[in-house]
Structure formats: structure tokens, C-alpha cells
Amino acid sequence: MRVISLICLALVSLFAVPTMSVAAEKKHVVMLLWRGVTDAENGFMEYLSSKMPVSFTLLDAKRDKDTLAAYVANIDNYQPDLVYAFGTTTTLSLLGTQDKPTLFRRQGNTPVVFSIVTDPVGSKIISTDDTEKRNFTGVSHIVPHQVQFNAIQKLPNITTMGVLFNPLESNSVITARKIQMLSAKFGMDVYLYPLRTQNGKPELSSLSAIIDTMLEDKVQLAYLPPDSYIISQSKGIVEGLHSRGIATFSATESPIRNHSALFGIVSRYYNVGEFAGHKAEQILSNKSTAQDLPIEPLSQYSYIVNVSAARALDYYPPVSILKISELIGGNEWSE
């Protein structure tokens, strides 16, 4: 009987070890944020939590570059297993560019997954051929500009477009220039309208004068780029533009859903976050290294039309676009 008891005790001990090991394997992810928790972070955390035991430390810079720099300088003190970075500004602060890498990028052993980076190549986070030995990967969220232009071309009576942007955000400047470069190919006039800045910050008070200039330039459609400041101020921006009869096209989801921009082709933030979470899970479970995981956008996009905005502007996208779009604000359609 004693022998049987000892065997049972040994078996209990044997099976207890993996349980303790699993508990010890809980991963710690530090999330470096620029403007609080967005749907991208919700998608990332929910996906990763469904795949493994994980804890999250959220560091929100609240759109302040000094705060962001302090977080980056001390990020190793949090002893992360992986760092998540939101957006171009945050990712550049953490990693630098290929020709001017940060100390963290050169010497750090902690893998990084970024999301909501508009143009990793244009921002010089990576080169065109992406041959660098790197300990980071990520997901871009912007629909190719040619795809956006193809849709804009289908809008009736749009021959002149204006790009409103924050000149202090590199991704926004890159987007504005690329849109203007494509304008000749698509036979459209495109003008750039940077917000005025003072003391290192954009001034929304310059919007009224910009709209006056847009009207003088006969702009019919304002393009809202993937710009954190533009997104955060999109309520006032969209209202100001629409009140003067200028329709809006948004490269991101929030201004359409939350503040009645008219139309856009977007990669949904939540889905971008999920995809970034998938990459993080591959790294943390040792299935792949960051080097092995491509830096890439989503392969599917969503067309969104805000019907209440169309009604207010008395301007409707063609049926060919409406048929493939998600229509929001639809309760007003039948009024």
C-alpha cells in the first residue's frame, strides 16, 4: 500500500510541474501608444489574450513627444517580452530609421510589432527591399493610394481635390506628397493645405482660412490623410468643410464612423490590431522570429459611405460604389 501511495505521489508531482511551468510562461507586452487605446489596440489585446497567457503595460504618450521620448528611454526597465508600437511617430521614436537607427534598434534584444504605420518604406523605417537583419515586424493600415484614386475618380463632378494635413507628422506629409504625385496620372488637380503651426503644434484655428483658400481654388473634395491630429480633430474639420459645401474623403475609419466624413476606403483598425496580434503570437510562442515575418498591409479593404453626410451635402456616390460599401447613418436614408 505504501508503494502505491508513493507511486501516486510521484505521478501527482510529475503532472504538477507542467502546470507551474505554464503559469511561469505568462508573457509581458509593453504597449507604446500615441493617443490612447484605439480599436487597433483592442484587436491586438483581444487576439493575443485568446492565444496565450499575457499581461499588458500601456504607456500612453498622449500626443506629447517629450513623454514619448521618456517612455522609449526607459522601456527596458519594464522587462517586456515584446513591445507593441502604435503609429509612425511612436515607431520612429522607438526604432529610428534604417540610416539613423536608435540604440534600442541597434542593441535591443526585445522584439517589436508595430501597427497603424502608414508607409514603413516612405518613413524609412525599412528599405524597399527589406533586407536588413531586424528584430521587428508590423502591419500597415493604408489602402494603396492608387486604389483610393480609382474610387475617387468614380465620384461625380470631382476634378479638384485638396489634401488637409498636419505638417508636423511625417506620415501625413508623405501621404500628401504621394497623393499629389499621382494626380497627373489620374487627371485630377490636387492642392496641399498644411495647417499652420505655432510652438511646435498645429493650430486648428487656421482651418477657416484654409477652407476659404480651398474655395478659391475650386476644391470639391477634401482628402483627410492618416494623421493622428486630423483624426482627433475630425469633428470640427468635417463640420467646417461640409458647412462650406466641400465633401470629404477619409483614408481612415474614425472620421467616417464617428464624425460623418462622406466616404473612404479603409483598413479597419480592429482588424489591423488582430493581424499585429497574430504576428506577436508567432514571435512569443517561438513559431517565428520577427525577421521571418513580413511587414505588410491587410489584403482586404472596406468601402464606407456615411449616408447622413451624403444627405446633408446633397451629394451621393454612384451606385457602383454604394453597392460595394458599408452604408452607415442609414436611418436617414428613408426620411
Protein backbone atom coordinates (compact mmCIF):
# COMPACT_ATOMS: atom_id res chain seq x y z
CA MET A 1 0.00 0.00 0.00
CA ARG A 2 2.89 2.31 0.83
CA VAL A 3 4.45 1.62 -2.58
CA ILE A 4 1.18 2.51 -4.33
CA SER A 5 0.96 5.76 -2.33
CA LEU A 6 4.49 6.69 -3.30
CA ILE A 7 3.76 5.98 -6.96
CA CYS A 8 0.62 8.15 -6.82
CA LEU A 9 2.57 10.95 -5.14
CA ALA A 10 5.22 10.73 -7.86
CA LEU A 11 2.58 10.92 -10.57
CA VAL A 12 0.94 13.96 -8.94
CA SER A 13 4.32 15.66 -8.75
CA LEU A 14 5.05 14.81 -12.37
CA PHE A 15 1.82 16.36 -13.63
CA ALA A 16 2.11 19.38 -11.33
CA VAL A 17 5.34 20.54 -12.97
CA PRO A 18 3.81 21.50 -16.36
CA THR A 19 1.06 23.43 -14.58
CA MET A 20 3.64 25.51 -12.75
CA SER A 21 5.58 25.91 -16.00
CA VAL A 22 2.53 27.23 -17.86
CA ALA A 23 1.91 29.79 -15.12
CA ALA A 24 5.54 30.89 -15.36
CA GLU A 25 5.29 31.33 -19.14
CA LYS A 26 2.93 34.30 -18.97
CA LYS A 27 4.27 36.89 -21.39
CA HIS A 28 4.58 40.62 -20.73
CA VAL A 29 3.84 43.02 -23.58
CA VAL A 30 4.55 46.74 -23.25
CA MET A 31 2.30 48.84 -25.48
CA LEU A 32 3.72 52.17 -26.58
CA LEU A 33 0.78 54.40 -27.52
CA TRP A 34 0.47 57.85 -29.05
CA ARG A 35 -3.18 58.79 -28.49
CA GLY A 36 -4.66 56.30 -26.05
CA VAL A 37 -6.28 52.96 -26.75
CA THR A 38 -7.79 52.71 -30.23
CA ASP A 39 -9.62 49.83 -31.89
CA ALA A 40 -6.21 48.63 -33.09
CA GLU A 41 -5.09 48.02 -29.50
CA ASN A 42 -8.41 46.37 -28.66
CA GLY A 43 -7.98 43.99 -31.60
CA PHE A 44 -4.36 43.29 -30.65
CA MET A 45 -5.03 42.59 -26.98
CA GLU A 46 -8.15 40.52 -27.55
CA TYR A 47 -6.48 38.38 -30.19
CA LEU A 48 -3.27 37.80 -28.22
CA SER A 49 -5.13 37.10 -24.96
CA SER A 50 -7.14 34.42 -26.73
CA LYS A 51 -3.94 32.62 -27.75
CA MET A 52 -1.73 32.71 -24.64
CA PRO A 53 -1.37 33.95 -21.05
CA VAL A 54 -0.26 37.56 -21.37
CA SER A 55 -0.17 40.79 -19.37
CA PHE A 56 -0.08 44.29 -20.85
CA THR A 57 1.54 47.51 -19.69
CA LEU A 58 0.11 50.55 -21.51
CA LEU A 59 2.33 53.62 -21.92
CA ASP A 60 0.28 56.46 -23.41
CA ALA A 61 2.27 59.48 -24.62
CA LYS A 62 -0.97 61.48 -25.12
CA ARG A 63 0.46 63.03 -28.29
CA ASP A 64 3.38 64.56 -26.40
CA LYS A 65 6.81 63.87 -27.91
CA ASP A 66 8.69 64.55 -24.65
CA THR A 67 6.56 61.99 -22.82
CA LEU A 68 7.08 59.54 -25.66
CA ALA A 69 10.85 60.03 -25.57
CA ALA A 70 10.89 59.38 -21.82
CA TYR A 71 8.94 56.14 -22.27
CA VAL A 72 11.31 54.99 -25.00
CA ALA A 73 14.39 55.81 -22.92
CA ASN A 74 13.12 53.70 -20.03
CA ILE A 75 11.29 50.93 -21.85
CA ASP A 76 13.80 48.22 -20.91
CA ASN A 77 13.04 48.86 -17.25
CA TYR A 78 9.63 47.25 -17.79
CA GLN A 79 11.33 44.00 -18.84
CA PRO A 80 8.99 43.29 -21.74
CA ASP A 81 8.95 40.08 -23.74
CA LEU A 82 7.67 42.13 -26.67
CA VAL A 83 6.96 45.80 -27.42
CA TYR A 84 3.92 46.92 -29.41
CA ALA A 85 4.16 50.36 -31.04
CA PHE A 86 1.21 52.34 -32.40
CA GLY A 87 1.68 54.61 -35.39
CA THR A 88 4.51 56.13 -37.36
CA THR A 89 5.57 58.74 -34.79
CA THR A 90 5.84 56.18 -31.99
CA THR A 91 7.57 53.58 -34.15
CA LEU A 92 10.15 56.10 -35.39
CA SER A 93 10.82 57.22 -31.82
CA LEU A 94 11.40 53.61 -30.75
CA LEU A 95 13.29 52.29 -33.79
CA GLY A 96 14.51 55.31 -35.74
CA THR A 97 15.13 54.96 -39.45
CA GLN A 98 17.26 52.47 -41.30
CA ASP A 99 20.05 55.02 -41.80
CA LYS A 100 19.65 56.52 -38.31
CA PRO A 101 18.65 53.65 -36.02
CA THR A 102 18.08 54.17 -32.31
CA LEU A 103 20.18 52.45 -29.66
CA PHE A 104 17.17 50.22 -28.94
CA ARG A 105 17.13 49.10 -32.58
CA ARG A 106 20.89 48.53 -32.75
CA GLN A 107 21.39 46.76 -29.44
CA GLY A 108 17.99 45.72 -28.08
CA ASN A 109 17.02 42.07 -27.81
CA THR A 110 13.31 42.70 -27.35
CA PRO A 111 11.16 42.07 -30.46
CA VAL A 112 8.80 44.80 -31.66
CA VAL A 113 5.50 44.63 -33.51
CA PHE A 114 4.12 47.91 -34.83
CA SER A 115 0.69 48.70 -36.24
CA ILE A 116 -1.06 51.64 -37.93
CA VAL A 117 2.10 52.75 -39.72
CA THR A 118 1.10 54.49 -42.92
CA ASP A 119 4.18 53.88 -45.06
CA PRO A 120 7.07 51.92 -43.50
CA VAL A 121 9.22 52.46 -46.60
CA GLY A 122 8.36 56.13 -47.09
CA SER A 123 9.04 56.76 -43.39
CA LYS A 124 12.41 54.98 -43.85
CA ILE A 125 11.65 52.50 -41.10
CA ILE A 126 12.64 49.87 -43.65
CA SER A 127 14.12 50.00 -47.14
CA THR A 128 12.33 48.94 -50.31
CA ASP A 129 14.00 45.53 -50.38
CA ASP A 130 13.68 45.00 -46.58
CA THR A 131 16.94 43.05 -46.39
CA GLU A 132 18.07 44.41 -43.02
CA LYS A 133 18.53 41.98 -40.17
CA ARG A 134 15.76 43.19 -37.89
CA ASN A 135 14.06 42.27 -34.65
CA PHE A 136 10.76 43.92 -35.54
CA THR A 137 7.81 43.46 -37.84
CA GLY A 138 4.46 45.15 -38.27
CA VAL A 139 1.29 45.96 -40.14
CA SER A 140 0.48 48.94 -42.34
CA HIS A 141 -3.12 50.12 -42.46
CA ILE A 142 -3.37 52.31 -45.53
CA VAL A 143 -5.13 51.21 -48.68
CA PRO A 144 -2.83 51.76 -51.69
CA HIS A 145 -3.18 55.30 -52.98
CA GLN A 146 -3.96 54.11 -56.49
CA VAL A 147 -6.93 52.13 -55.14
CA GLN A 148 -8.14 55.27 -53.37
CA PHE A 149 -7.72 57.37 -56.51
CA ASN A 150 -9.63 54.83 -58.59
CA ALA A 151 -12.60 55.18 -56.24
CA ILE A 152 -12.35 58.98 -56.07
CA GLN A 153 -12.39 59.11 -59.87
CA LYS A 154 -15.81 57.47 -59.84
CA LEU A 155 -17.31 60.29 -57.77
CA PRO A 156 -19.36 62.67 -59.90
CA ASN A 157 -18.09 66.20 -60.61
CA ILE A 158 -14.78 65.85 -58.75
CA THR A 159 -11.91 67.37 -60.70
CA THR A 160 -10.03 69.22 -57.94
CA MET A 161 -9.04 67.77 -54.58
CA GLY A 162 -7.36 69.34 -51.55
CA VAL A 163 -5.25 67.46 -49.02
CA LEU A 164 -5.56 68.87 -45.49
CA PHE A 165 -2.72 67.73 -43.25
CA ASN A 166 -0.58 68.34 -40.19
CA PRO A 167 2.95 69.22 -41.42
CA LEU A 168 4.45 68.01 -38.14
CA GLU A 169 3.52 64.35 -38.74
CA SER A 170 5.90 62.68 -41.17
CA ASN A 171 3.39 60.06 -42.32
CA SER A 172 0.92 62.81 -43.16
CA VAL A 173 3.49 64.75 -45.19
CA ILE A 174 4.50 61.59 -47.06
CA THR A 175 0.87 60.81 -47.88
CA ALA A 176 0.16 64.35 -49.08
CA ARG A 177 3.15 64.28 -51.42
CA LYS A 178 2.27 60.85 -52.81
CA ILE A 179 -1.31 61.89 -53.49
CA GLN A 180 -0.10 64.98 -55.33
CA MET A 181 2.41 62.93 -57.33
CA LEU A 182 -0.36 60.61 -58.52
CA SER A 183 -2.66 63.45 -59.53
CA ALA A 184 -1.29 63.81 -63.07
CA LYS A 185 -1.73 60.10 -63.74
CA PHE A 186 -5.39 60.32 -62.78
CA GLY A 187 -6.05 63.65 -64.47
CA MET A 188 -7.01 65.48 -61.28
CA ASP A 189 -5.78 68.74 -59.78
CA VAL A 190 -4.52 68.25 -56.23
CA TYR A 191 -3.53 71.06 -53.87
CA LEU A 192 -1.86 70.68 -50.48
CA TYR A 193 -3.11 72.59 -47.43
CA PRO A 194 -0.91 72.24 -44.32
CA LEU A 195 -2.35 73.50 -41.06
CA ARG A 196 -0.50 76.46 -39.59
CA THR A 197 1.79 75.57 -36.68
CA GLN A 198 2.94 77.51 -33.66
CA ASN A 199 5.26 76.46 -30.83
CA GLY A 200 5.64 73.02 -32.35
CA LYS A 201 1.90 72.31 -32.52
CA PRO A 202 -0.71 72.52 -35.29
CA GLU A 203 -3.37 75.19 -34.98
CA LEU A 204 -6.93 74.23 -35.86
CA SER A 205 -7.79 77.92 -35.87
CA SER A 206 -6.14 78.10 -39.30
CA LEU A 207 -8.86 75.85 -40.75
CA SER A 208 -11.26 78.65 -41.66
CA ALA A 209 -8.65 80.47 -43.77
CA ILE A 210 -7.66 77.18 -45.40
CA ILE A 211 -11.28 76.48 -46.38
CA ASP A 212 -11.51 79.98 -47.88
CA THR A 213 -8.43 79.17 -49.99
CA MET A 214 -9.88 75.80 -50.97
CA LEU A 215 -13.00 77.51 -52.28
CA GLU A 216 -10.88 80.00 -54.23
CA ASP A 217 -9.02 77.02 -55.73
CA LYS A 218 -12.38 75.41 -56.61
CA VAL A 219 -11.70 72.33 -54.47
CA GLN A 220 -14.70 69.97 -54.48
CA LEU A 221 -13.30 67.21 -52.26
CA ALA A 222 -11.05 67.38 -49.19
CA TYR A 223 -8.79 64.40 -48.57
CA LEU A 224 -8.17 63.59 -44.87
CA PRO A 225 -4.93 61.59 -44.53
CA PRO A 226 -3.96 59.07 -41.83
CA ASP A 227 -2.91 61.84 -39.46
CA SER A 228 -3.39 61.47 -35.70
CA TYR A 229 -4.10 65.17 -35.25
CA ILE A 230 -6.57 65.32 -38.15
CA ILE A 231 -8.32 62.22 -36.79
CA SER A 232 -8.52 63.64 -33.27
CA GLN A 233 -9.96 66.92 -34.58
CA SER A 234 -12.09 65.42 -37.34
CA LYS A 235 -15.42 66.51 -35.85
CA GLY A 236 -14.62 70.22 -36.24
CA ILE A 237 -12.76 69.68 -39.50
CA VAL A 238 -15.56 67.73 -41.19
CA GLU A 239 -18.23 70.12 -39.94
CA GLY A 240 -16.22 73.11 -41.20
CA LEU A 241 -15.69 71.60 -44.64
CA HIS A 242 -19.24 70.29 -45.09
CA SER A 243 -20.77 73.58 -43.95
CA ARG A 244 -18.99 75.23 -46.89
CA GLY A 245 -20.09 72.54 -49.36
CA ILE A 246 -16.78 70.66 -49.61
CA ALA A 247 -17.21 66.89 -49.47
CA THR A 248 -14.70 64.71 -47.58
CA PHE A 249 -12.78 61.52 -48.34
CA SER A 250 -11.05 59.89 -45.37
CA ALA A 251 -8.12 57.46 -45.52
CA THR A 252 -9.03 56.18 -42.04
CA GLU A 253 -12.17 54.81 -40.48
CA SER A 254 -12.85 57.03 -37.47
CA PRO A 255 -13.73 60.32 -39.24
CA ILE A 256 -16.37 58.49 -41.32
CA ARG A 257 -17.92 56.48 -38.50
CA ASN A 258 -17.69 59.00 -35.71
CA HIS A 259 -17.77 62.41 -37.36
CA SER A 260 -19.67 61.99 -40.64
CA ALA A 261 -16.94 62.30 -43.25
CA LEU A 262 -18.59 61.29 -46.51
CA PHE A 263 -16.60 58.40 -47.92
CA GLY A 264 -13.44 56.33 -47.61
CA ILE A 265 -11.70 53.05 -48.35
CA VAL A 266 -10.05 51.85 -45.17
CA SER A 267 -8.38 49.00 -43.34
CA ARG A 268 -10.31 48.69 -40.11
CA TYR A 269 -8.21 49.43 -37.06
CA TYR A 270 -9.53 46.40 -35.17
CA ASN A 271 -8.51 44.06 -37.99
CA VAL A 272 -5.07 45.68 -38.22
CA GLY A 273 -4.66 45.11 -34.49
CA GLU A 274 -5.70 41.48 -34.81
CA PHE A 275 -3.16 40.94 -37.58
CA ALA A 276 -0.44 42.56 -35.44
CA GLY A 277 -1.57 40.30 -32.58
CA HIS A 278 -1.13 37.28 -34.83
CA LYS A 279 2.44 38.32 -35.57
CA ALA A 280 3.10 38.87 -31.85
CA GLU A 281 1.72 35.41 -31.05
CA GLN A 282 4.03 33.84 -33.64
CA ILE A 283 7.03 35.53 -32.01
CA LEU A 284 6.11 34.92 -28.37
CA SER A 285 5.33 31.25 -28.98
CA ASN A 286 8.67 30.83 -30.80
CA LYS A 287 6.98 29.75 -34.01
CA SER A 288 8.74 32.52 -35.96
CA THR A 289 11.20 35.33 -35.44
CA ALA A 290 10.33 38.93 -36.21
CA GLN A 291 12.85 38.74 -39.08
CA ASP A 292 10.85 35.93 -40.68
CA LEU A 293 7.51 37.78 -40.53
CA PRO A 294 6.90 40.23 -43.40
CA ILE A 295 5.96 43.84 -42.82
CA GLU A 296 2.73 44.13 -44.76
CA PRO A 297 -0.73 45.68 -45.04
CA LEU A 298 -4.06 43.91 -44.83
CA SER A 299 -5.16 42.31 -48.07
CA GLN A 300 -8.83 43.30 -47.77
CA TYR A 301 -10.32 46.79 -47.56
CA SER A 302 -13.68 48.24 -46.57
CA TYR A 303 -15.62 50.87 -48.51
CA ILE A 304 -17.68 53.04 -46.15
CA VAL A 305 -20.22 55.71 -47.10
CA ASN A 306 -21.84 57.94 -44.49
CA VAL A 307 -25.39 58.39 -45.75
CA SER A 308 -26.22 61.20 -43.34
CA ALA A 309 -23.27 63.18 -44.74
CA ALA A 310 -24.42 62.49 -48.30
CA ARG A 311 -27.88 63.77 -47.42
CA ALA A 312 -26.53 66.90 -45.71
CA LEU A 313 -24.29 67.67 -48.70
CA ASP A 314 -26.93 66.57 -51.23
CA TYR A 315 -24.10 64.69 -52.89
CA TYR A 316 -24.19 60.92 -53.41
CA PRO A 317 -21.54 58.47 -54.59
CA PRO A 318 -22.59 56.47 -57.66
CA VAL A 319 -24.47 53.19 -57.38
CA SER A 320 -21.31 51.28 -58.36
CA ILE A 321 -19.72 52.46 -55.09
CA LEU A 322 -22.84 52.22 -52.94
CA LYS A 323 -23.32 48.56 -53.94
CA ILE A 324 -19.94 47.54 -52.50
CA SER A 325 -19.92 49.89 -49.50
CA GLU A 326 -20.99 49.62 -45.91
CA LEU A 327 -23.64 52.32 -45.52
CA ILE A 328 -23.76 54.00 -42.12
CA GLY A 329 -26.19 56.63 -40.88
CA GLY A 330 -28.76 54.65 -42.88
CA ASN A 331 -31.74 55.62 -40.75
CA GLU A 332 -31.75 58.97 -42.50
CA TRP A 333 -31.84 57.41 -45.97
CA SER A 334 -35.59 56.86 -45.94
CA GLU A 335 -36.58 60.16 -44.40
